[in-house]
């Protein structure tokens, strides 16, 4: 089998998963440092929906979001269809190269061969490592969304979970959940301008992680060894939380 056959993807809009993403986000704060509500501050209509379901019980919130999304899928069908076509075209062209890049960068074979991409209307993109599943938020393609950098960001998390967090010989396995989250999100700083034109822009990360990301990027530029970078991150993360 040639390498080009090793990595494949499916992409779909799944209303049940989209409903789950909205409802779950309305109930969870990200590691005590981020409220998903903040992603909607520039979108008053969605903010109103979010605030409403956050006060509902689980069943009522799901039923309400089912109706909201059914209407949205009709009203925004052109935008969603265009985004899905764009997503498919980007990964038809770049999936193998992106996977090879992550393997080269981490020095480890990808733990996932087949990926499932779920399209969501909520600006949150969770993932499931064991299922090779990740969400992509619908963005009008006039904004030129960089779905490849989003993919590489999540797959870097996959690798970090599998090869370092689950490895008892790695310092990453000794971190608390909060510390590991902070470290893994900061490690994506290596997805930088060196990877252009595969990616359109470098990975910016979250505001709370910027100082730590600067430290890690300097180390990365000097060594270009992800294994060493992970251990360096684990040794230093407590100073930045």
Foldseek 3Di string as FASTA:
>chain_A
DDLVQQAEEDEDADLQVQLVVLLVLLADADLVPGRLLVVCPVPVVVNVLSVVSNPDPDVVSSVVSSVVVVVVCVVCVVLVVVQVVVVVVLCVPQVSVLQVVLCVLAVHHQPDRYAYEYEYQRPDWDADLVRNYIYDYRDRCVVVDFVSLVSSLVSLVSCCVPVACPDPVALNVVDDPSLNVLLSQLLQQVQAPVPPPSTPHGDDGDPLNVVVSVVLVVVCVVPSHNSVSSNVSSVCSVVRD
